[in-house]
Amino acid sequence: MTTVRPRSISRSRVTVIDPGDPDRECLDPNQLLDQLLSNLRNLDVPLVVSISDNSTQVQYPLKTFTSKLWPIREGDVIFGLKRIKFREIKAEIKFNIEVESET
């Protein structure tokens, strides 16, 4: 069973001034995921954050995604070598549970 709760957040709420360049912005993952993070006791859980636009997708473990600010340049959020269009950004949180059995 899948539970989907779509949610919209304003641009001003999820962006912050880039600490290295006061003329640029960064995506603040802690603000983007604020509602979820406020209910977690620990970030060491098997959650994966999937960030996408209409053509590109990146995935990070929750702890990695929330550990830094992600720069926004020319309308794109920079995730390493991939760029996600800020205007089309979507975040999805998934978890994987693997059951191991002894044979």
PDB file of N, CA and C in Angstrom:
ATOM      1  N   MET A   1       0.837  -1.174   0.000  1.00  0.00           N
ATOM      2  CA  MET A   1       0.000   0.000   0.000  1.00  0.00           C
ATOM      3  C   MET A   1       0.884   1.240   0.000  1.00  0.00           C
ATOM      4  N   THR A   2       0.568   2.197  -0.846  1.00  0.00           N
ATOM      5  CA  THR A   2       1.322   3.432  -0.944  1.00  0.00           C
ATOM      6  C   THR A   2       0.467   4.581  -0.441  1.00  0.00           C
ATOM      7  N   THR A   3       1.067   5.421   0.383  1.00  0.00           N
ATOM      8  CA  THR A   3       0.385   6.609   0.848  1.00  0.00           C
ATOM      9  C   THR A   3       1.050   7.805   0.203  1.00  0.00           C
ATOM     10  N   VAL A   4       0.293   8.620  -0.476  1.00  0.00           N
ATOM     11  CA  VAL A   4       0.827   9.797  -1.147  1.00  0.00           C
ATOM     12  C   VAL A   4       0.176  11.023  -0.546  1.00  0.00           C
ATOM     13  N   ARG A   5       1.010  11.955  -0.139  1.00  0.00           N
ATOM     14  CA  ARG A   5       0.507  13.218   0.394  1.00  0.00           C
ATOM     15  C   ARG A   5       1.220  14.354  -0.325  1.00  0.00           C
ATOM     16  N   PRO A   6       0.696  14.776  -1.460  1.00  0.00           N
ATOM     17  CA  PRO A   6       1.351  15.872  -2.177  1.00  0.00           C
ATOM     18  C   PRO A   6       1.310  17.157  -1.359  1.00  0.00           C
ATOM     19  N   ARG A   7       2.332  17.961  -1.550  1.00  0.00           N
ATOM     20  CA  ARG A   7       2.436  19.178  -0.770  1.00  0.00           C
ATOM     21  C   ARG A   7       3.203  20.206  -1.577  1.00  0.00           C
ATOM     22  N   SER A   8       2.805  21.457  -1.492  1.00  0.00           N
ATOM     23  CA  SER A   8       3.517  22.544  -2.160  1.00  0.00           C
ATOM     24  C   SER A   8       4.157  23.435  -1.107  1.00  0.00           C
ATOM     25  N   ILE A   9       5.338  23.942  -1.435  1.00  0.00           N
ATOM     26  CA  ILE A   9       6.063  24.830  -0.524  1.00  0.00           C
ATOM     27  C   ILE A   9       6.535  26.027  -1.335  1.00  0.00           C
ATOM     28  N   SER A  10       6.470  27.206  -0.750  1.00  0.00           N
ATOM     29  CA  SER A  10       6.879  28.406  -1.483  1.00  0.00           C
ATOM     30  C   SER A  10       8.394  28.458  -1.658  1.00  0.00           C
ATOM     31  N   ARG A  11       8.810  29.082  -2.744  1.00  0.00           N
ATOM     32  CA  ARG A  11      10.236  29.225  -3.055  1.00  0.00           C
ATOM     33  C   ARG A  11      10.986  29.914  -1.920  1.00  0.00           C
ATOM     34  N   SER A  12      10.411  30.980  -1.371  1.00  0.00           N
ATOM     35  CA  SER A  12      11.109  31.733  -0.331  1.00  0.00           C
ATOM     36  C   SER A  12      11.334  30.905   0.926  1.00  0.00           C
ATOM     37  N   ARG A  13      10.531  29.890   1.114  1.00  0.00           N
ATOM     38  CA  ARG A  13      10.678  29.065   2.308  1.00  0.00           C
ATOM     39  C   ARG A  13      11.816  28.052   2.187  1.00  0.00           C
ATOM     40  N   VAL A  14      12.119  27.583   0.989  1.00  0.00           N
ATOM     41  CA  VAL A  14      13.117  26.519   0.830  1.00  0.00           C
ATOM     42  C   VAL A  14      14.464  27.009   0.319  1.00  0.00           C
ATOM     43  N   THR A  15      14.606  28.304   0.081  1.00  0.00           N
ATOM     44  CA  THR A  15      15.894  28.823  -0.374  1.00  0.00           C
ATOM     45  C   THR A  15      16.522  29.693   0.706  1.00  0.00           C
ATOM     46  N   VAL A  16      17.840  29.707   0.711  1.00  0.00           N
ATOM     47  CA  VAL A  16      18.612  30.556   1.613  1.00  0.00           C
ATOM     48  C   VAL A  16      19.723  31.211   0.804  1.00  0.00           C
ATOM     49  N   ILE A  17      20.307  32.261   1.363  1.00  0.00           N
ATOM     50  CA  ILE A  17      21.446  32.922   0.713  1.00  0.00           C
ATOM     51  C   ILE A  17      22.648  31.985   0.779  1.00  0.00           C
ATOM     52  N   ASP A  18      23.354  31.870  -0.325  1.00  0.00           N
ATOM     53  CA  ASP A  18      24.555  31.035  -0.395  1.00  0.00           C
ATOM     54  C   ASP A  18      25.612  31.623   0.541  1.00  0.00           C
ATOM     55  N   PRO A  19      26.099  30.845   1.529  1.00  0.00           N
ATOM     56  CA  PRO A  19      27.105  31.376   2.464  1.00  0.00           C
ATOM     57  C   PRO A  19      28.393  31.816   1.778  1.00  0.00           C
ATOM     58  N   GLY A  20      28.704  31.236   0.616  1.00  0.00           N
ATOM     59  CA  GLY A  20      29.927  31.593  -0.102  1.00  0.00           C
ATOM     60  C   GLY A  20      29.759  32.740  -1.070  1.00  0.00           C
ATOM     61  N   ASP A  21      28.511  33.105  -1.401  1.00  0.00           N
ATOM     62  CA  ASP A  21      28.242  34.160  -2.370  1.00  0.00           C
ATOM     63  C   ASP A  21      26.887  34.788  -2.053  1.00  0.00           C
ATOM     64  N   PRO A  22      26.894  35.973  -1.433  1.00  0.00           N
ATOM     65  CA  PRO A  22      25.630  36.584  -1.003  1.00  0.00           C
ATOM     66  C   PRO A  22      24.683  36.975  -2.146  1.00  0.00           C
ATOM     67  N   ASP A  23      25.141  36.886  -3.397  1.00  0.00           N
ATOM     68  CA  ASP A  23      24.284  37.207  -4.535  1.00  0.00           C
ATOM     69  C   ASP A  23      23.593  35.976  -5.120  1.00  0.00           C
ATOM     70  N   ARG A  24      23.806  34.819  -4.511  1.00  0.00           N
ATOM     71  CA  ARG A  24      23.226  33.572  -5.030  1.00  0.00           C
ATOM     72  C   ARG A  24      22.415  32.863  -3.955  1.00  0.00           C
ATOM     73  N   GLU A  25      21.603  31.900  -4.412  1.00  0.00           N
ATOM     74  CA  GLU A  25      20.748  31.151  -3.494  1.00  0.00           C
ATOM     75  C   GLU A  25      21.158  29.681  -3.456  1.00  0.00           C
ATOM     76  N   CYS A  26      20.713  29.009  -2.392  1.00  0.00           N
ATOM     77  CA  CYS A  26      20.877  27.571  -2.250  1.00  0.00           C
ATOM     78  C   CYS A  26      19.548  26.968  -1.823  1.00  0.00           C
ATOM     79  N   LEU A  27      19.342  25.724  -2.188  1.00  0.00           N
ATOM     80  CA  LEU A  27      18.198  24.961  -1.710  1.00  0.00           C
ATOM     81  C   LEU A  27      18.541  24.453  -0.316  1.00  0.00           C
ATOM     82  N   ASP A  28      17.669  24.706   0.653  1.00  0.00           N
ATOM     83  CA  ASP A  28      17.867  24.233   2.015  1.00  0.00           C
ATOM     84  C   ASP A  28      17.035  22.965   2.211  1.00  0.00           C
ATOM     85  N   PRO A  29      17.670  21.790   2.204  1.00  0.00           N
ATOM     86  CA  PRO A  29      16.914  20.548   2.308  1.00  0.00           C
ATOM     87  C   PRO A  29      16.165  20.410   3.627  1.00  0.00           C
ATOM     88  N   ASN A  30      16.669  21.026   4.675  1.00  0.00           N
ATOM     89  CA  ASN A  30      15.994  20.938   5.965  1.00  0.00           C
ATOM     90  C   ASN A  30      14.665  21.688   5.953  1.00  0.00           C
ATOM     91  N   GLN A  31      14.586  22.773   5.202  1.00  0.00           N
ATOM     92  CA  GLN A  31      13.314  23.481   5.061  1.00  0.00           C
ATOM     93  C   GLN A  31      12.383  22.741   4.110  1.00  0.00           C
ATOM     94  N   LEU A  32      12.946  22.166   3.051  1.00  0.00           N
ATOM     95  CA  LEU A  32      12.146  21.414   2.089  1.00  0.00           C
ATOM     96  C   LEU A  32      11.441  20.241   2.771  1.00  0.00           C
ATOM     97  N   LEU A  33      12.146  19.569   3.662  1.00  0.00           N
ATOM     98  CA  LEU A  33      11.610  18.373   4.324  1.00  0.00           C
ATOM     99  C   LEU A  33      11.219  18.628   5.779  1.00  0.00           C
ATOM    100  N   ASP A  34      11.004  19.875   6.131  1.00  0.00           N
ATOM    101  CA  ASP A  34      10.753  20.263   7.520  1.00  0.00           C
ATOM    102  C   ASP A  34       9.678  19.438   8.209  1.00  0.00           C
ATOM    103  N   GLN A  35       8.568  19.215   7.562  1.00  0.00           N
ATOM    104  CA  GLN A  35       7.466  18.493   8.193  1.00  0.00           C
ATOM    105  C   GLN A  35       7.859  17.056   8.540  1.00  0.00           C
ATOM    106  N   LEU A  36       8.619  16.428   7.688  1.00  0.00           N
ATOM    107  CA  LEU A  36       9.076  15.070   7.963  1.00  0.00           C
ATOM    108  C   LEU A  36      10.159  15.071   9.038  1.00  0.00           C
ATOM    109  N   LEU A  37      11.155  15.931   8.880  1.00  0.00           N
ATOM    110  CA  LEU A  37      12.293  15.935   9.795  1.00  0.00           C
ATOM    111  C   LEU A  37      11.889  16.251  11.228  1.00  0.00           C
ATOM    112  N   SER A  38      10.876  17.092  11.398  1.00  0.00           N
ATOM    113  CA  SER A  38      10.450  17.439  12.751  1.00  0.00           C
ATOM    114  C   SER A  38       9.857  16.235  13.481  1.00  0.00           C
ATOM    115  N   ASN A  39       9.471  15.198  12.745  1.00  0.00           N
ATOM    116  CA  ASN A  39       8.903  14.000  13.360  1.00  0.00           C
ATOM    117  C   ASN A  39       9.888  12.844  13.486  1.00  0.00           C
ATOM    118  N   LEU A  40      11.104  13.029  13.011  1.00  0.00           N
ATOM    119  CA  LEU A  40      12.123  11.980  13.117  1.00  0.00           C
ATOM    120  C   LEU A  40      12.994  12.235  14.342  1.00  0.00           C
ATOM    121  N   ARG A  41      13.336  11.191  15.020  1.00  0.00           N
ATOM    122  CA  ARG A  41      14.233  11.313  16.172  1.00  0.00           C
ATOM    123  C   ARG A  41      15.690  11.212  15.754  1.00  0.00           C
ATOM    124  N   ASN A  42      15.917  10.594  14.590  1.00  0.00           N
ATOM    125  CA  ASN A  42      17.263  10.272  14.169  1.00  0.00           C
ATOM    126  C   ASN A  42      17.282  10.232  12.642  1.00  0.00           C
ATOM    127  N   LEU A  43      18.333  10.751  12.037  1.00  0.00           N
ATOM    128  CA  LEU A  43      18.426  10.734  10.569  1.00  0.00           C
ATOM    129  C   LEU A  43      19.054   9.453  10.031  1.00  0.00           C
ATOM    130  N   ASP A  44      19.483   8.569  10.926  1.00  0.00           N
ATOM    131  CA  ASP A  44      20.068   7.303  10.508  1.00  0.00           C
ATOM    132  C   ASP A  44      18.976   6.256  10.297  1.00  0.00           C
ATOM    133  N   VAL A  45      18.069   6.563   9.397  1.00  0.00           N
ATOM    134  CA  VAL A  45      16.989   5.638   9.052  1.00  0.00           C
ATOM    135  C   VAL A  45      17.124   5.315   7.569  1.00  0.00           C
ATOM    136  N   PRO A  46      16.621   4.178   7.121  1.00  0.00           N
ATOM    137  CA  PRO A  46      16.830   3.785   5.717  1.00  0.00           C
ATOM    138  C   PRO A  46      15.908   4.510   4.741  1.00  0.00           C
ATOM    139  N   LEU A  47      15.921   5.830   4.798  1.00  0.00           N
ATOM    140  CA  LEU A  47      15.101   6.621   3.882  1.00  0.00           C
ATOM    141  C   LEU A  47      15.974   7.176   2.768  1.00  0.00           C
ATOM    142  N   VAL A  48      15.421   7.219   1.571  1.00  0.00           N
ATOM    143  CA  VAL A  48      16.116   7.757   0.402  1.00  0.00           C
ATOM    144  C   VAL A  48      15.280   8.905  -0.142  1.00  0.00           C
ATOM    145  N   VAL A  49      15.917  10.036  -0.405  1.00  0.00           N
ATOM    146  CA  VAL A  49      15.238  11.190  -0.985  1.00  0.00           C
ATOM    147  C   VAL A  49      15.510  11.177  -2.480  1.00  0.00           C
ATOM    148  N   SER A  50      14.446  11.191  -3.249  1.00  0.00           N
ATOM    149  CA  SER A  50      14.539  11.232  -4.697  1.00  0.00           C
ATOM    150  C   SER A  50      14.108  12.627  -5.136  1.00  0.00           C
ATOM    151  N   ILE A  51      14.996  13.350  -5.801  1.00  0.00           N
ATOM    152  CA  ILE A  51      14.739  14.705  -6.278  1.00  0.00           C
ATOM    153  C   ILE A  51      14.679  14.637  -7.795  1.00  0.00           C
ATOM    154  N   SER A  52      13.640  15.239  -8.385  1.00  0.00           N
ATOM    155  CA  SER A  52      13.512  15.160  -9.833  1.00  0.00           C
ATOM    156  C   SER A  52      12.855  16.411 -10.402  1.00  0.00           C
ATOM    157  N   ASP A  53      13.009  16.557 -11.710  1.00  0.00           N
ATOM    158  CA  ASP A  53      12.223  17.501 -12.481  1.00  0.00           C
ATOM    159  C   ASP A  53      11.563  16.659 -13.570  1.00  0.00           C
ATOM    160  N   ASN A  54      11.164  17.247 -14.661  1.00  0.00           N
ATOM    161  CA  ASN A  54      10.476  16.462 -15.686  1.00  0.00           C
ATOM    162  C   ASN A  54      11.394  15.569 -16.514  1.00  0.00           C
ATOM    163  N   SER A  55      12.723  15.707 -16.340  1.00  0.00           N
ATOM    164  CA  SER A  55      13.618  14.894 -17.162  1.00  0.00           C
ATOM    165  C   SER A  55      14.788  14.258 -16.411  1.00  0.00           C
ATOM    166  N   THR A  56      15.117  14.734 -15.229  1.00  0.00           N
ATOM    167  CA  THR A  56      16.301  14.260 -14.517  1.00  0.00           C
ATOM    168  C   THR A  56      15.939  13.869 -13.091  1.00  0.00           C
ATOM    169  N   GLN A  57      16.645  12.888 -12.553  1.00  0.00           N
ATOM    170  CA  GLN A  57      16.398  12.441 -11.183  1.00  0.00           C
ATOM    171  C   GLN A  57      17.714  12.135 -10.492  1.00  0.00           C
ATOM    172  N   VAL A  58      17.798  12.470  -9.202  1.00  0.00           N
ATOM    173  CA  VAL A  58      18.929  12.087  -8.357  1.00  0.00           C
ATOM    174  C   VAL A  58      18.364  11.496  -7.075  1.00  0.00           C
ATOM    175  N   GLN A  59      19.146  10.634  -6.433  1.00  0.00           N
ATOM    176  CA  GLN A  59      18.732  10.041  -5.162  1.00  0.00           C
ATOM    177  C   GLN A  59      19.879  10.117  -4.180  1.00  0.00           C
ATOM    178  N   TYR A  60      19.540  10.426  -2.931  1.00  0.00           N
ATOM    179  CA  TYR A  60      20.522  10.469  -1.858  1.00  0.00           C
ATOM    180  C   TYR A  60      19.911   9.859  -0.608  1.00  0.00           C
ATOM    181  N   PRO A  61      20.739   9.202   0.217  1.00  0.00           N
ATOM    182  CA  PRO A  61      20.238   8.830   1.545  1.00  0.00           C
ATOM    183  C   PRO A  61      19.833  10.112   2.287  1.00  0.00           C
ATOM    184  N   LEU A  62      18.830  10.024   3.118  1.00  0.00           N
ATOM    185  CA  LEU A  62      18.309  11.200   3.827  1.00  0.00           C
ATOM    186  C   LEU A  62      19.415  11.967   4.539  1.00  0.00           C
ATOM    187  N   LYS A  63      20.277  11.262   5.240  1.00  0.00           N
ATOM    188  CA  LYS A  63      21.339  11.922   6.002  1.00  0.00           C
ATOM    189  C   LYS A  63      22.277  12.717   5.085  1.00  0.00           C
ATOM    190  N   THR A  64      22.601  12.171   3.926  1.00  0.00           N
ATOM    191  CA  THR A  64      23.470  12.861   2.963  1.00  0.00           C
ATOM    192  C   THR A  64      22.761  14.079   2.381  1.00  0.00           C
ATOM    193  N   PHE A  65      21.501  13.917   1.994  1.00  0.00           N
ATOM    194  CA  PHE A  65      20.752  15.013   1.386  1.00  0.00           C
ATOM    195  C   PHE A  65      20.612  16.203   2.331  1.00  0.00           C
ATOM    196  N   THR A  66      20.381  15.946   3.604  1.00  0.00           N
ATOM    197  CA  THR A  66      20.158  17.040   4.562  1.00  0.00           C
ATOM    198  C   THR A  66      21.452  17.602   5.135  1.00  0.00           C
ATOM    199  N   SER A  67      22.593  17.053   4.752  1.00  0.00           N
ATOM    200  CA  SER A  67      23.857  17.479   5.362  1.00  0.00           C
ATOM    201  C   SER A  67      24.463  18.736   4.746  1.00  0.00           C
ATOM    202  N   LYS A  68      23.886  19.250   3.668  1.00  0.00           N
ATOM    203  CA  LYS A  68      24.478  20.431   3.028  1.00  0.00           C
ATOM    204  C   LYS A  68      23.423  21.260   2.323  1.00  0.00           C
ATOM    205  N   LEU A  69      23.797  22.464   1.965  1.00  0.00           N
ATOM    206  CA  LEU A  69      22.963  23.313   1.109  1.00  0.00           C
ATOM    207  C   LEU A  69      23.314  22.980  -0.331  1.00  0.00           C
ATOM    208  N   TRP A  70      22.323  22.968  -1.206  1.00  0.00           N
ATOM    209  CA  TRP A  70      22.532  22.640  -2.615  1.00  0.00           C
ATOM    210  C   TRP A  70      22.426  23.910  -3.445  1.00  0.00           C
ATOM    211  N   PRO A  71      23.505  24.298  -4.161  1.00  0.00           N
ATOM    212  CA  PRO A  71      23.519  25.575  -4.888  1.00  0.00           C
ATOM    213  C   PRO A  71      22.496  25.639  -6.024  1.00  0.00           C
ATOM    214  N   ILE A  72      21.923  26.814  -6.190  1.00  0.00           N
ATOM    215  CA  ILE A  72      21.007  27.091  -7.297  1.00  0.00           C
ATOM    216  C   ILE A  72      21.730  28.042  -8.242  1.00  0.00           C
ATOM    217  N   ARG A  73      21.910  27.620  -9.484  1.00  0.00           N
ATOM    218  CA  ARG A  73      22.609  28.428 -10.486  1.00  0.00           C
ATOM    219  C   ARG A  73      21.793  28.447 -11.766  1.00  0.00           C
ATOM    220  N   GLU A  74      21.506  29.635 -12.252  1.00  0.00           N
ATOM    221  CA  GLU A  74      20.780  29.825 -13.512  1.00  0.00           C
ATOM    222  C   GLU A  74      19.487  29.016 -13.558  1.00  0.00           C
ATOM    223  N   GLY A  75      18.777  28.981 -12.438  1.00  0.00           N
ATOM    224  CA  GLY A  75      17.487  28.301 -12.375  1.00  0.00           C
ATOM    225  C   GLY A  75      17.549  26.804 -12.131  1.00  0.00           C
ATOM    226  N   ASP A  76      18.762  26.260 -11.971  1.00  0.00           N
ATOM    227  CA  ASP A  76      18.922  24.828 -11.718  1.00  0.00           C
ATOM    228  C   ASP A  76      19.545  24.598 -10.349  1.00  0.00           C
ATOM    229  N   VAL A  77      19.095  23.549  -9.657  1.00  0.00           N
ATOM    230  CA  VAL A  77      19.737  23.123  -8.425  1.00  0.00           C
ATOM    231  C   VAL A  77      20.826  22.136  -8.831  1.00  0.00           C
ATOM    232  N   ILE A  78      22.037  22.366  -8.332  1.00  0.00           N
ATOM    233  CA  ILE A  78      23.185  21.559  -8.728  1.00  0.00           C
ATOM    234  C   ILE A  78      23.376  20.411  -7.733  1.00  0.00           C
ATOM    235  N   PHE A  79      23.286  19.196  -8.246  1.00  0.00           N
ATOM    236  CA  PHE A  79      23.524  17.989  -7.469  1.00  0.00           C
ATOM    237  C   PHE A  79      24.687  17.256  -8.125  1.00  0.00           C
ATOM    238  N   GLY A  80      25.894  17.604  -7.739  1.00  0.00           N
ATOM    239  CA  GLY A  80      27.072  16.994  -8.367  1.00  0.00           C
ATOM    240  C   GLY A  80      27.107  17.326  -9.845  1.00  0.00           C
ATOM    241  N   LEU A  81      27.072  16.305 -10.693  1.00  0.00           N
ATOM    242  CA  LEU A  81      27.105  16.515 -12.140  1.00  0.00           C
ATOM    243  C   LEU A  81      25.720  16.703 -12.749  1.00  0.00           C
ATOM    244  N   LYS A  82      24.670  16.542 -11.956  1.00  0.00           N
ATOM    245  CA  LYS A  82      23.308  16.672 -12.475  1.00  0.00           C
ATOM    246  C   LYS A  82      22.676  17.989 -12.044  1.00  0.00           C
ATOM    247  N   ARG A  83      21.814  18.488 -12.928  1.00  0.00           N
ATOM    248  CA  ARG A  83      21.080  19.728 -12.658  1.00  0.00           C
ATOM    249  C   ARG A  83      19.589  19.420 -12.693  1.00  0.00           C
ATOM    250  N   ILE A  84      18.880  19.910 -11.683  1.00  0.00           N
ATOM    251  CA  ILE A  84      17.431  19.752 -11.605  1.00  0.00           C
ATOM    252  C   ILE A  84      16.819  21.146 -11.706  1.00  0.00           C
ATOM    253  N   LYS A  85      15.868  21.332 -12.605  1.00  0.00           N
ATOM    254  CA  LYS A  85      15.224  22.643 -12.764  1.00  0.00           C
ATOM    255  C   LYS A  85      14.446  22.992 -11.482  1.00  0.00           C
ATOM    256  N   PHE A  86      14.809  24.110 -10.867  1.00  0.00           N
ATOM    257  CA  PHE A  86      14.193  24.504  -9.600  1.00  0.00           C
ATOM    258  C   PHE A  86      12.685  24.697  -9.743  1.00  0.00           C
ATOM    259  N   ARG A  87      12.244  25.233 -10.861  1.00  0.00           N
ATOM    260  CA  ARG A  87      10.806  25.476 -11.057  1.00  0.00           C
ATOM    261  C   ARG A  87       9.994  24.193 -11.158  1.00  0.00           C
ATOM    262  N   GLU A  88      10.651  23.083 -11.477  1.00  0.00           N
ATOM    263  CA  GLU A  88       9.954  21.803 -11.647  1.00  0.00           C
ATOM    264  C   GLU A  88      10.313  20.789 -10.554  1.00  0.00           C
ATOM    265  N   ILE A  89      11.032  21.232  -9.531  1.00  0.00           N
ATOM    266  CA  ILE A  89      11.576  20.294  -8.548  1.00  0.00           C
ATOM    267  C   ILE A  89      10.470  19.574  -7.768  1.00  0.00           C
ATOM    268  N   LYS A  90      10.702  18.280  -7.598  1.00  0.00           N
ATOM    269  CA  LYS A  90       9.803  17.441  -6.810  1.00  0.00           C
ATOM    270  C   LYS A  90      10.674  16.585  -5.903  1.00  0.00           C
ATOM    271  N   ALA A  91      10.228  16.369  -4.694  1.00  0.00           N
ATOM    272  CA  ALA A  91      10.950  15.504  -3.760  1.00  0.00           C
ATOM    273  C   ALA A  91      10.038  14.356  -3.355  1.00  0.00           C
ATOM    274  N   GLU A  92      10.609  13.180  -3.317  1.00  0.00           N
ATOM    275  CA  GLU A  92       9.872  11.995  -2.900  1.00  0.00           C
ATOM    276  C   GLU A  92      10.759  11.237  -1.916  1.00  0.00           C
ATOM    277  N   ILE A  93      10.166  10.750  -0.870  1.00  0.00           N
ATOM    278  CA  ILE A  93      10.917  10.002   0.132  1.00  0.00           C
ATOM    279  C   ILE A  93      10.467   8.545   0.074  1.00  0.00           C
ATOM    280  N   LYS A  94      11.450   7.674  -0.016  1.00  0.00           N
ATOM    281  CA  LYS A  94      11.168   6.248  -0.129  1.00  0.00           C
ATOM    282  C   LYS A  94      11.967   5.510   0.936  1.00  0.00           C
ATOM    283  N   PHE A  95      11.538   4.303   1.214  1.00  0.00           N
ATOM    284  CA  PHE A  95      12.353   3.455   2.069  1.00  0.00           C
ATOM    285  C   PHE A  95      12.356   2.040   1.519  1.00  0.00           C
ATOM    286  N   ASN A  96      13.450   1.360   1.765  1.00  0.00           N
ATOM    287  CA  ASN A  96      13.584  -0.012   1.327  1.00  0.00           C
ATOM    288  C   ASN A  96      13.819  -0.892   2.540  1.00  0.00           C
ATOM    289  N   ILE A  97      13.086  -1.950   2.600  1.00  0.00           N
ATOM    290  CA  ILE A  97      13.285  -2.932   3.660  1.00  0.00           C
ATOM    291  C   ILE A  97      13.595  -4.258   2.981  1.00  0.00           C
ATOM    292  N   GLU A  98      14.722  -4.812   3.340  1.00  0.00           N
ATOM    293  CA  GLU A  98      15.106  -6.110   2.800  1.00  0.00           C
ATOM    294  C   GLU A  98      15.044  -7.127   3.929  1.00  0.00           C
ATOM    295  N   VAL A  99      14.407  -8.244   3.644  1.00  0.00           N
ATOM    296  CA  VAL A  99      14.303  -9.307   4.632  1.00  0.00           C
ATOM    297  C   VAL A  99      15.328 -10.371   4.279  1.00  0.00           C
ATOM    298  N   GLU A 100      16.216 -10.625   5.213  1.00  0.00           N
ATOM    299  CA  GLU A 100      17.231 -11.649   5.002  1.00  0.00           C
ATOM    300  C   GLU A 100      16.791 -12.909   5.718  1.00  0.00           C
ATOM    301  N   SER A 101      16.987 -14.007   5.075  1.00  0.00           N
ATOM    302  CA  SER A 101      16.645 -15.289   5.736  1.00  0.00           C
ATOM    303  C   SER A 101      17.816 -16.237   5.630  1.00  0.00           C
ATOM    304  N   GLU A 102      17.932 -17.049   6.635  1.00  0.00           N
ATOM    305  CA  GLU A 102      18.992 -18.050   6.627  1.00  0.00           C
ATOM    306  C   GLU A 102      18.449 -19.300   5.955  1.00  0.00           C
ATOM    307  N   THR A 103      19.237 -19.878   5.065  1.00  0.00           N
ATOM    308  CA  THR A 103      18.763 -21.082   4.382  1.00  0.00           C
ATOM    309  C   THR A 103      19.565 -22.286   4.785  1.00  0.00           C
TER     310      THR A 103
END
